[in-house]
């Protein structure tokens, strides 16, 4: 096989002849399993081989790894953010504790803060990602028809719930500074 395409005039000048060695068939939509089986059977009956490809097949592992990596990164940033907010709000937390706020109330405040921050981050990140994809595929939006529903649902619902649950569990202990007086 030459490593360049030849125009018909060059083929004629060199005395070469073209022969058909294969066909490329493109369907307007994805073929069903029954259609693929029928095409394979027809090709095999005529001594031919078929290949069918889905451009999305190899993306499953990448999709799940991206979801997991993004979730770990988001939870790490969220933990630092909630820690900073708790540090800044230590005086208010002492006041709430002194007026009778239980551990459940303190945990709830931290969990709600973490959950809503995670929800805001997930919504903004998803909207930004899809805005970039829409701009990148402005000419042909057909690749965007394969929406990864399960990873999206796990991210949109799971990450805020995981953040709230983690914050609830981590906020259970009273800070050491609660038992000492502040030096101001």
N, C-alpha and C. Protein backbone atom coordinates (compact mmCIF):
# COMPACT_ATOMS: atom_id res chain seq x y z
N UNK A 1 0.85 -1.17 0.00
CA UNK A 1 0.00 0.00 0.00
C UNK A 1 0.89 1.23 0.00
N UNK A 2 0.69 2.10 -0.90
CA UNK A 2 1.51 3.32 -0.91
C UNK A 2 1.14 4.20 0.27
N UNK A 3 2.11 4.98 0.71
CA UNK A 3 1.84 5.87 1.83
C UNK A 3 1.38 7.25 1.34
N UNK A 4 0.79 7.30 0.17
CA UNK A 4 0.20 8.51 -0.38
C UNK A 4 -0.98 8.13 -1.26
N UNK A 5 -1.94 9.01 -1.37
CA UNK A 5 -3.07 8.77 -2.26
C UNK A 5 -2.71 9.22 -3.66
N UNK A 6 -3.20 8.49 -4.62
CA UNK A 6 -2.91 8.81 -6.02
C UNK A 6 -4.19 9.25 -6.72
N UNK A 7 -4.05 10.23 -7.55
CA UNK A 7 -5.19 10.67 -8.35
C UNK A 7 -5.32 9.76 -9.57
N UNK A 8 -6.50 9.68 -10.19
CA UNK A 8 -6.69 8.79 -11.34
C UNK A 8 -5.70 9.03 -12.48
N UNK A 9 -5.32 10.27 -12.71
CA UNK A 9 -4.35 10.56 -13.79
C UNK A 9 -3.01 9.90 -13.50
N UNK A 10 -2.57 9.91 -12.27
CA UNK A 10 -1.30 9.27 -11.91
C UNK A 10 -1.39 7.76 -12.06
N UNK A 11 -2.53 7.17 -11.68
CA UNK A 11 -2.71 5.74 -11.86
C UNK A 11 -2.62 5.36 -13.35
N UNK A 12 -3.26 6.14 -14.18
CA UNK A 12 -3.25 5.89 -15.62
C UNK A 12 -1.83 6.03 -16.19
N UNK A 13 -1.13 7.07 -15.76
CA UNK A 13 0.22 7.32 -16.24
C UNK A 13 1.17 6.19 -15.85
N UNK A 14 0.99 5.60 -14.67
CA UNK A 14 1.84 4.51 -14.20
C UNK A 14 1.38 3.15 -14.70
N UNK A 15 0.23 3.11 -15.32
CA UNK A 15 -0.28 1.84 -15.83
C UNK A 15 -0.90 0.96 -14.76
N UNK A 16 -1.30 1.56 -13.66
CA UNK A 16 -1.92 0.80 -12.58
C UNK A 16 -3.43 0.78 -12.76
N UNK A 17 -4.05 -0.23 -12.14
CA UNK A 17 -5.49 -0.36 -12.21
C UNK A 17 -6.04 -0.43 -10.80
N UNK A 18 -7.19 0.14 -10.60
CA UNK A 18 -7.82 0.09 -9.27
C UNK A 18 -8.70 -1.14 -9.15
N UNK A 19 -8.74 -1.68 -7.94
CA UNK A 19 -9.65 -2.78 -7.64
C UNK A 19 -10.34 -2.46 -6.31
N UNK A 20 -11.51 -2.97 -6.14
CA UNK A 20 -12.24 -2.76 -4.88
C UNK A 20 -11.79 -3.81 -3.88
N UNK A 21 -11.33 -3.33 -2.73
CA UNK A 21 -10.87 -4.26 -1.69
C UNK A 21 -11.71 -4.14 -0.43
N UNK A 22 -12.58 -3.18 -0.38
CA UNK A 22 -13.40 -3.03 0.82
C UNK A 22 -14.40 -1.91 0.63
N UNK A 23 -15.34 -1.87 1.52
CA UNK A 23 -16.35 -0.83 1.50
C UNK A 23 -16.44 -0.23 2.89
N UNK A 24 -16.76 1.00 2.89
CA UNK A 24 -17.02 1.70 4.15
C UNK A 24 -18.48 2.11 4.14
N UNK A 25 -19.23 1.58 5.08
CA UNK A 25 -20.66 1.86 5.17
C UNK A 25 -20.89 2.66 6.44
N UNK A 26 -21.56 3.77 6.29
CA UNK A 26 -21.85 4.61 7.44
C UNK A 26 -23.36 4.75 7.56
N UNK A 27 -23.88 4.42 8.74
CA UNK A 27 -25.33 4.49 8.97
C UNK A 27 -25.67 5.83 9.60
N UNK A 28 -26.88 6.32 9.35
CA UNK A 28 -27.27 7.60 9.94
C UNK A 28 -27.49 7.53 11.45
N UNK A 29 -27.60 6.32 11.98
CA UNK A 29 -27.79 6.12 13.42
C UNK A 29 -27.06 4.84 13.81
N UNK A 30 -26.91 4.62 15.10
CA UNK A 30 -26.26 3.40 15.57
C UNK A 30 -27.06 2.18 15.14
N UNK A 31 -26.33 1.14 14.73
CA UNK A 31 -26.99 -0.10 14.33
C UNK A 31 -27.37 -0.90 15.57
N UNK A 32 -28.48 -1.59 15.49
CA UNK A 32 -28.90 -2.44 16.60
C UNK A 32 -28.11 -3.74 16.54
N UNK A 33 -28.20 -4.51 17.59
CA UNK A 33 -27.50 -5.80 17.64
C UNK A 33 -28.01 -6.73 16.55
N UNK A 34 -29.30 -6.69 16.26
CA UNK A 34 -29.88 -7.54 15.21
C UNK A 34 -29.33 -7.13 13.84
N UNK A 35 -29.24 -5.84 13.58
CA UNK A 35 -28.71 -5.36 12.31
C UNK A 35 -27.23 -5.74 12.14
N UNK A 36 -26.45 -5.62 13.22
CA UNK A 36 -25.04 -6.00 13.16
C UNK A 36 -24.89 -7.50 12.89
N UNK A 37 -25.71 -8.31 13.54
CA UNK A 37 -25.65 -9.76 13.33
C UNK A 37 -26.01 -10.10 11.88
N UNK A 38 -27.03 -9.46 11.34
CA UNK A 38 -27.43 -9.71 9.95
C UNK A 38 -26.32 -9.31 8.99
N UNK A 39 -25.64 -8.18 9.24
CA UNK A 39 -24.54 -7.74 8.38
C UNK A 39 -23.37 -8.71 8.45
N UNK A 40 -23.06 -9.20 9.64
CA UNK A 40 -21.96 -10.17 9.79
C UNK A 40 -22.28 -11.47 9.08
N UNK A 41 -23.53 -11.94 9.21
CA UNK A 41 -23.93 -13.18 8.54
C UNK A 41 -23.86 -13.04 7.02
N UNK A 42 -24.33 -11.92 6.50
CA UNK A 42 -24.30 -11.67 5.06
C UNK A 42 -22.85 -11.59 4.56
N UNK A 43 -21.99 -10.93 5.31
CA UNK A 43 -20.59 -10.82 4.91
C UNK A 43 -19.90 -12.17 4.95
N UNK A 44 -20.15 -12.94 6.00
CA UNK A 44 -19.52 -14.26 6.12
C UNK A 44 -19.98 -15.19 5.02
N UNK A 45 -21.22 -15.09 4.60
CA UNK A 45 -21.73 -15.94 3.52
C UNK A 45 -21.07 -15.62 2.19
N UNK A 46 -20.53 -14.41 2.06
CA UNK A 46 -19.88 -13.99 0.82
C UNK A 46 -18.36 -13.90 0.95
N UNK A 47 -17.81 -14.49 2.01
CA UNK A 47 -16.37 -14.51 2.19
C UNK A 47 -15.76 -13.19 2.62
N UNK A 48 -16.53 -12.36 3.25
CA UNK A 48 -16.04 -11.05 3.70
C UNK A 48 -16.02 -10.98 5.22
N UNK A 49 -15.36 -9.97 5.72
CA UNK A 49 -15.26 -9.75 7.16
C UNK A 49 -15.85 -8.37 7.45
N UNK A 50 -16.54 -8.24 8.57
CA UNK A 50 -17.10 -6.93 8.94
C UNK A 50 -16.47 -6.45 10.23
N UNK A 51 -16.47 -5.15 10.37
CA UNK A 51 -16.05 -4.53 11.61
C UNK A 51 -17.05 -3.43 11.92
N UNK A 52 -17.48 -3.37 13.15
CA UNK A 52 -18.39 -2.32 13.57
C UNK A 52 -17.77 -1.66 14.79
N UNK A 53 -17.79 -0.37 14.78
CA UNK A 53 -17.18 0.34 15.90
C UNK A 53 -18.12 1.36 16.49
N UNK A 54 -17.99 1.55 17.78
CA UNK A 54 -18.71 2.60 18.48
C UNK A 54 -17.66 3.52 19.06
N UNK A 55 -17.74 4.77 18.70
CA UNK A 55 -16.72 5.72 19.15
C UNK A 55 -16.72 5.89 20.65
N UNK A 56 -17.79 5.49 21.32
CA UNK A 56 -17.90 5.68 22.76
C UNK A 56 -17.43 4.47 23.56
N UNK A 57 -17.13 3.35 22.88
CA UNK A 57 -16.77 2.12 23.60
C UNK A 57 -15.58 2.29 24.54
N UNK A 58 -14.52 2.90 24.07
CA UNK A 58 -13.30 3.01 24.86
C UNK A 58 -13.35 4.08 25.93
N UNK A 59 -14.46 4.78 26.05
CA UNK A 59 -14.54 5.89 26.98
C UNK A 59 -15.06 5.51 28.36
N UNK A 60 -15.54 4.29 28.52
CA UNK A 60 -16.15 3.91 29.80
C UNK A 60 -15.14 3.99 30.94
N UNK A 61 -13.97 3.42 30.76
CA UNK A 61 -12.96 3.45 31.82
C UNK A 61 -12.51 4.87 32.09
N UNK A 62 -12.28 5.62 31.03
CA UNK A 62 -11.88 7.02 31.19
C UNK A 62 -12.97 7.81 31.91
N UNK A 63 -14.22 7.56 31.57
CA UNK A 63 -15.34 8.28 32.19
C UNK A 63 -15.38 8.00 33.69
N UNK A 64 -15.29 6.72 34.07
CA UNK A 64 -15.37 6.37 35.49
C UNK A 64 -14.14 6.86 36.26
N UNK A 65 -12.96 6.78 35.64
CA UNK A 65 -11.76 7.29 36.31
C UNK A 65 -11.85 8.80 36.49
N UNK A 66 -12.40 9.49 35.51
CA UNK A 66 -12.57 10.94 35.62
C UNK A 66 -13.55 11.29 36.74
N UNK A 67 -14.62 10.54 36.84
CA UNK A 67 -15.60 10.80 37.90
C UNK A 67 -14.95 10.57 39.27
N UNK A 68 -14.23 9.47 39.42
CA UNK A 68 -13.60 9.17 40.71
C UNK A 68 -12.53 10.19 41.05
N UNK A 69 -11.68 10.52 40.10
CA UNK A 69 -10.63 11.51 40.35
C UNK A 69 -11.20 12.88 40.66
N UNK A 70 -12.22 13.28 39.90
CA UNK A 70 -12.85 14.57 40.16
C UNK A 70 -13.53 14.62 41.51
N UNK A 71 -14.15 13.51 41.91
CA UNK A 71 -14.81 13.47 43.22
C UNK A 71 -13.81 13.57 44.35
N UNK A 72 -12.69 12.86 44.23
CA UNK A 72 -11.66 12.93 45.27
C UNK A 72 -11.08 14.34 45.36
N UNK A 73 -10.79 14.93 44.22
CA UNK A 73 -10.27 16.30 44.21
C UNK A 73 -11.28 17.29 44.78
N UNK A 74 -12.54 17.15 44.38
CA UNK A 74 -13.57 18.05 44.88
C UNK A 74 -13.76 17.91 46.39
N UNK A 75 -13.76 16.68 46.89
CA UNK A 75 -13.91 16.48 48.33
C UNK A 75 -12.72 17.04 49.10
N UNK A 76 -11.52 16.94 48.52
CA UNK A 76 -10.35 17.52 49.18
C UNK A 76 -10.43 19.04 49.27
N UNK A 77 -10.79 19.67 48.17
CA UNK A 77 -10.94 21.13 48.18
C UNK A 77 -12.07 21.54 49.11
N UNK A 78 -13.14 20.77 49.09
CA UNK A 78 -14.28 21.06 49.96
C UNK A 78 -13.90 20.93 51.43
N UNK A 79 -13.11 19.92 51.77
CA UNK A 79 -12.67 19.75 53.15
C UNK A 79 -11.84 20.95 53.61
N UNK A 80 -10.97 21.45 52.73
CA UNK A 80 -10.19 22.64 53.09
C UNK A 80 -11.09 23.86 53.25
N UNK A 81 -12.08 23.98 52.39
CA UNK A 81 -12.99 25.13 52.46
C UNK A 81 -13.82 25.09 53.74
N UNK A 82 -14.38 23.93 54.05
CA UNK A 82 -15.19 23.80 55.27
C UNK A 82 -14.31 24.00 56.50
N UNK A 83 -13.10 23.51 56.48
CA UNK A 83 -12.19 23.73 57.59
C UNK A 83 -11.89 25.21 57.80
N UNK A 84 -11.71 25.92 56.71
CA UNK A 84 -11.46 27.36 56.81
C UNK A 84 -12.69 28.08 57.35
N UNK A 85 -13.85 27.71 56.87
CA UNK A 85 -15.09 28.34 57.34
C UNK A 85 -15.29 28.05 58.82
N UNK A 86 -15.05 26.82 59.23
CA UNK A 86 -15.19 26.48 60.66
C UNK A 86 -14.19 27.24 61.51
N UNK A 87 -12.98 27.41 61.01
CA UNK A 87 -11.99 28.18 61.76
C UNK A 87 -12.40 29.64 61.91
N UNK A 88 -12.96 30.20 60.82
CA UNK A 88 -13.41 31.58 60.87
C UNK A 88 -14.64 31.75 61.76
N UNK A 89 -15.44 30.71 61.87
CA UNK A 89 -16.68 30.80 62.63
C UNK A 89 -16.55 30.19 64.02
N UNK A 90 -15.32 30.05 64.51
CA UNK A 90 -15.11 29.42 65.82
C UNK A 90 -15.77 30.21 66.94
N UNK A 91 -15.74 31.54 66.87
CA UNK A 91 -16.38 32.35 67.92
C UNK A 91 -17.88 32.11 67.95
N UNK A 92 -18.51 32.06 66.76
CA UNK A 92 -19.95 31.81 66.71
C UNK A 92 -20.27 30.40 67.23
N UNK A 93 -19.38 29.45 66.94
CA UNK A 93 -19.60 28.08 67.41
C UNK A 93 -19.51 28.03 68.94
N UNK A 94 -18.59 28.78 69.51
CA UNK A 94 -18.49 28.84 70.97
C UNK A 94 -19.75 29.46 71.56
N UNK A 95 -20.25 30.49 70.92
CA UNK A 95 -21.47 31.14 71.40
C UNK A 95 -22.64 30.18 71.34
N UNK A 96 -22.75 29.45 70.24
CA UNK A 96 -23.85 28.49 70.12
C UNK A 96 -23.74 27.38 71.16
N UNK A 97 -22.52 26.93 71.41
CA UNK A 97 -22.32 25.88 72.41
C UNK A 97 -22.66 26.41 73.79
N UNK A 98 -22.26 27.62 74.08
CA UNK A 98 -22.53 28.21 75.40
C UNK A 98 -24.03 28.42 75.62
N UNK A 99 -24.77 28.65 74.55
CA UNK A 99 -26.22 28.86 74.69
C UNK A 99 -27.01 27.56 74.57
N UNK A 100 -26.31 26.43 74.49
CA UNK A 100 -27.00 25.15 74.54
C UNK A 100 -27.08 24.38 73.24
N UNK A 101 -26.35 24.77 72.23
CA UNK A 101 -26.37 24.01 70.97
C UNK A 101 -25.72 22.65 71.19
N UNK A 102 -26.41 21.63 70.78
CA UNK A 102 -25.90 20.27 70.97
C UNK A 102 -24.91 19.92 69.85
N UNK A 103 -24.29 18.77 70.01
CA UNK A 103 -23.38 18.27 68.99
C UNK A 103 -24.12 18.06 67.67
N UNK A 104 -25.37 17.63 67.76
CA UNK A 104 -26.18 17.41 66.56
C UNK A 104 -26.36 18.71 65.78
N UNK A 105 -26.60 19.79 66.46
CA UNK A 105 -26.77 21.09 65.78
C UNK A 105 -25.47 21.51 65.12
N UNK A 106 -24.36 21.37 65.85
CA UNK A 106 -23.06 21.76 65.27
C UNK A 106 -22.73 20.88 64.06
N UNK A 107 -23.00 19.59 64.17
CA UNK A 107 -22.76 18.69 63.04
C UNK A 107 -23.65 19.06 61.85
N UNK A 108 -24.91 19.35 62.14
CA UNK A 108 -25.85 19.71 61.08
C UNK A 108 -25.41 20.96 60.33
N UNK A 109 -24.95 21.96 61.05
CA UNK A 109 -24.47 23.19 60.40
C UNK A 109 -23.30 22.90 59.46
N UNK A 110 -22.38 22.10 59.93
CA UNK A 110 -21.22 21.77 59.10
C UNK A 110 -21.64 20.92 57.90
N UNK A 111 -22.52 19.95 58.11
CA UNK A 111 -22.96 19.07 57.02
C UNK A 111 -23.73 19.85 55.96
N UNK A 112 -24.62 20.74 56.39
CA UNK A 112 -25.39 21.52 55.42
C UNK A 112 -24.47 22.45 54.64
N UNK A 113 -23.52 23.06 55.31
CA UNK A 113 -22.56 23.94 54.62
C UNK A 113 -21.78 23.15 53.58
N UNK A 114 -21.25 22.01 53.97
CA UNK A 114 -20.47 21.19 53.03
C UNK A 114 -21.34 20.69 51.88
N UNK A 115 -22.54 20.23 52.19
CA UNK A 115 -23.43 19.70 51.15
C UNK A 115 -23.80 20.75 50.12
N UNK A 116 -24.15 21.95 50.56
CA UNK A 116 -24.52 22.99 49.61
C UNK A 116 -23.32 23.53 48.84
N UNK A 117 -22.18 23.61 49.47
CA UNK A 117 -20.97 24.01 48.72
C UNK A 117 -20.65 22.98 47.65
N UNK A 118 -20.77 21.70 47.99
CA UNK A 118 -20.51 20.64 47.00
C UNK A 118 -21.54 20.69 45.87
N UNK A 119 -22.81 20.90 46.20
CA UNK A 119 -23.85 20.99 45.19
C UNK A 119 -23.59 22.16 44.25
N UNK A 120 -23.23 23.30 44.80
CA UNK A 120 -22.93 24.47 43.96
C UNK A 120 -21.74 24.18 43.05
N UNK A 121 -20.71 23.55 43.59
CA UNK A 121 -19.54 23.22 42.79
C UNK A 121 -19.85 22.23 41.67
N UNK A 122 -20.64 21.22 41.99
CA UNK A 122 -21.00 20.21 41.00
C UNK A 122 -21.85 20.83 39.89
N UNK A 123 -22.82 21.65 40.25
CA UNK A 123 -23.68 22.28 39.25
C UNK A 123 -22.89 23.23 38.36
N UNK A 124 -22.03 24.04 38.96
CA UNK A 124 -21.21 24.95 38.16
C UNK A 124 -20.23 24.19 37.28
N UNK A 125 -19.61 23.16 37.81
CA UNK A 125 -18.66 22.37 37.02
C UNK A 125 -19.33 21.65 35.86
N UNK A 126 -20.49 21.07 36.10
CA UNK A 126 -21.21 20.37 35.04
C UNK A 126 -21.68 21.35 33.97
N UNK A 127 -22.22 22.48 34.39
CA UNK A 127 -22.67 23.49 33.42
C UNK A 127 -21.48 24.01 32.60
N UNK A 128 -20.36 24.24 33.25
CA UNK A 128 -19.16 24.70 32.52
C UNK A 128 -18.65 23.67 31.54
N UNK A 129 -18.64 22.40 31.95
CA UNK A 129 -18.16 21.34 31.06
C UNK A 129 -19.04 21.22 29.83
N UNK A 130 -20.36 21.27 30.04
CA UNK A 130 -21.25 21.16 28.89
C UNK A 130 -21.22 22.40 28.02
N UNK A 131 -20.97 23.56 28.59
CA UNK A 131 -20.83 24.77 27.77
C UNK A 131 -19.60 24.66 26.86
N UNK A 132 -18.52 24.12 27.40
CA UNK A 132 -17.31 23.92 26.59
C UNK A 132 -17.56 22.88 25.51
N UNK A 133 -18.24 21.78 25.86
CA UNK A 133 -18.55 20.76 24.86
C UNK A 133 -19.45 21.29 23.75
N UNK A 134 -20.44 22.09 24.12
CA UNK A 134 -21.31 22.67 23.10
C UNK A 134 -20.54 23.59 22.16
N UNK A 135 -19.60 24.35 22.72
CA UNK A 135 -18.78 25.22 21.87
C UNK A 135 -17.83 24.41 21.00
N UNK A 136 -17.26 23.34 21.55
CA UNK A 136 -16.30 22.53 20.80
C UNK A 136 -16.97 21.75 19.67
N UNK A 137 -18.20 21.32 19.89
CA UNK A 137 -18.92 20.55 18.89
C UNK A 137 -20.03 21.39 18.24
N UNK A 138 -19.77 22.65 18.02
CA UNK A 138 -20.79 23.55 17.44
C UNK A 138 -21.20 23.11 16.04
N UNK A 139 -20.27 22.55 15.27
CA UNK A 139 -20.58 22.15 13.90
C UNK A 139 -21.37 20.84 13.85
N UNK A 140 -21.03 19.90 14.71
CA UNK A 140 -21.69 18.59 14.68
C UNK A 140 -21.91 18.14 16.12
N UNK A 141 -23.12 18.21 16.59
CA UNK A 141 -23.42 17.87 17.97
C UNK A 141 -23.79 16.41 18.17
N UNK A 142 -23.66 15.59 17.13
CA UNK A 142 -24.04 14.18 17.25
C UNK A 142 -23.21 13.42 18.29
N UNK A 143 -21.91 13.73 18.49
CA UNK A 143 -21.19 13.00 19.55
C UNK A 143 -21.74 13.28 20.95
N UNK A 144 -22.49 14.36 21.10
CA UNK A 144 -23.02 14.69 22.42
C UNK A 144 -24.33 13.97 22.72
N UNK A 145 -24.79 13.13 21.80
CA UNK A 145 -26.03 12.40 22.05
C UNK A 145 -25.83 11.24 23.02
N UNK A 146 -24.61 10.80 23.20
CA UNK A 146 -24.30 9.73 24.16
C UNK A 146 -24.05 10.37 25.52
N UNK A 147 -25.10 10.66 26.25
CA UNK A 147 -24.97 11.31 27.55
C UNK A 147 -24.67 10.24 28.60
N UNK A 148 -23.61 10.41 29.38
CA UNK A 148 -23.28 9.43 30.43
C UNK A 148 -24.17 9.64 31.66
N UNK A 149 -25.39 9.11 31.62
CA UNK A 149 -26.37 9.38 32.66
C UNK A 149 -25.93 8.90 34.04
N UNK A 150 -25.40 7.69 34.12
CA UNK A 150 -25.07 7.14 35.44
C UNK A 150 -23.91 7.91 36.10
N UNK A 151 -22.80 8.16 35.39
CA UNK A 151 -21.75 8.97 36.04
C UNK A 151 -22.22 10.38 36.40
N UNK A 152 -23.05 10.97 35.55
CA UNK A 152 -23.57 12.31 35.86
C UNK A 152 -24.45 12.28 37.10
N UNK A 153 -25.33 11.29 37.18
CA UNK A 153 -26.22 11.19 38.33
C UNK A 153 -25.43 10.94 39.61
N UNK A 154 -24.43 10.06 39.53
CA UNK A 154 -23.61 9.81 40.71
C UNK A 154 -22.86 11.06 41.15
N UNK A 155 -22.41 11.84 40.18
CA UNK A 155 -21.69 13.06 40.53
C UNK A 155 -22.63 14.11 41.08
N UNK A 156 -23.73 14.34 40.39
CA UNK A 156 -24.66 15.40 40.81
C UNK A 156 -25.35 15.10 42.13
N UNK A 157 -25.63 13.84 42.41
CA UNK A 157 -26.30 13.49 43.65
C UNK A 157 -25.33 12.96 44.70
N UNK A 158 -24.39 12.15 44.27
CA UNK A 158 -23.51 11.47 45.21
C UNK A 158 -22.48 12.37 45.87
N UNK A 159 -21.92 13.31 45.12
CA UNK A 159 -20.87 14.15 45.70
C UNK A 159 -21.39 15.05 46.81
N UNK A 160 -22.53 15.75 46.65
CA UNK A 160 -23.04 16.53 47.78
C UNK A 160 -23.42 15.67 48.99
N UNK A 161 -23.98 14.50 48.73
CA UNK A 161 -24.33 13.61 49.84
C UNK A 161 -23.07 13.12 50.55
N UNK A 162 -22.06 12.75 49.78
CA UNK A 162 -20.79 12.30 50.39
C UNK A 162 -20.14 13.43 51.18
N UNK A 163 -20.20 14.64 50.65
CA UNK A 163 -19.62 15.78 51.36
C UNK A 163 -20.36 16.04 52.67
N UNK A 164 -21.69 16.01 52.62
CA UNK A 164 -22.47 16.25 53.83
C UNK A 164 -22.22 15.15 54.87
N UNK A 165 -22.18 13.90 54.42
CA UNK A 165 -21.96 12.78 55.34
C UNK A 165 -20.57 12.85 55.96
N UNK A 166 -19.57 13.17 55.14
CA UNK A 166 -18.21 13.28 55.66
C UNK A 166 -18.11 14.43 56.67
N UNK A 167 -18.73 15.55 56.35
CA UNK A 167 -18.70 16.69 57.27
C UNK A 167 -19.43 16.36 58.56
N UNK A 168 -20.54 15.64 58.45
CA UNK A 168 -21.29 15.24 59.65
C UNK A 168 -20.42 14.39 60.56
N UNK A 169 -19.72 13.43 59.96
CA UNK A 169 -18.88 12.54 60.77
C UNK A 169 -17.66 13.26 61.34
N UNK A 170 -17.08 14.15 60.55
CA UNK A 170 -15.85 14.82 60.99
C UNK A 170 -16.12 15.92 62.01
N UNK A 171 -17.34 16.44 62.05
CA UNK A 171 -17.63 17.56 62.94
C UNK A 171 -18.14 17.12 64.30
N UNK A 172 -18.04 15.86 64.62
CA UNK A 172 -18.63 15.35 65.86
C UNK A 172 -17.90 15.75 67.12
N UNK A 173 -16.60 15.91 67.05
CA UNK A 173 -15.85 16.22 68.26
C UNK A 173 -15.85 17.72 68.53
N UNK A 174 -15.83 18.07 69.78
CA UNK A 174 -15.68 19.48 70.11
C UNK A 174 -14.24 19.87 69.87
N UNK A 175 -14.02 21.03 69.29
CA UNK A 175 -12.65 21.47 69.10
C UNK A 175 -11.96 21.65 70.44
N UNK A 176 -10.66 21.43 70.46
CA UNK A 176 -9.89 21.57 71.70
C UNK A 176 -10.00 22.98 72.24
N UNK A 177 -10.21 23.95 71.38
CA UNK A 177 -10.28 25.34 71.83
C UNK A 177 -11.55 25.62 72.62
N UNK A 178 -12.53 24.71 72.65
CA UNK A 178 -13.76 24.92 73.39
C UNK A 178 -13.51 24.86 74.90
N UNK A 179 -12.52 24.11 75.28
CA UNK A 179 -12.28 23.94 76.72
C UNK A 179 -11.33 24.97 77.28
N UNK A 180 -10.74 25.78 76.43
CA UNK A 180 -9.81 26.81 76.90
C UNK A 180 -10.38 28.18 76.59
N UNK A 181 -9.96 29.13 77.35
CA UNK A 181 -10.37 30.50 77.12
C UNK A 181 -9.50 31.11 76.02
N UNK A 182 -10.09 31.95 75.24
CA UNK A 182 -9.33 32.65 74.21
C UNK A 182 -8.50 33.74 74.84
N UNK A 183 -7.30 33.89 74.36
CA UNK A 183 -6.43 34.98 74.79
C UNK A 183 -6.59 36.11 73.78
N UNK A 184 -7.28 37.14 74.20
CA UNK A 184 -7.48 38.24 73.26
C UNK A 184 -6.89 39.52 73.78
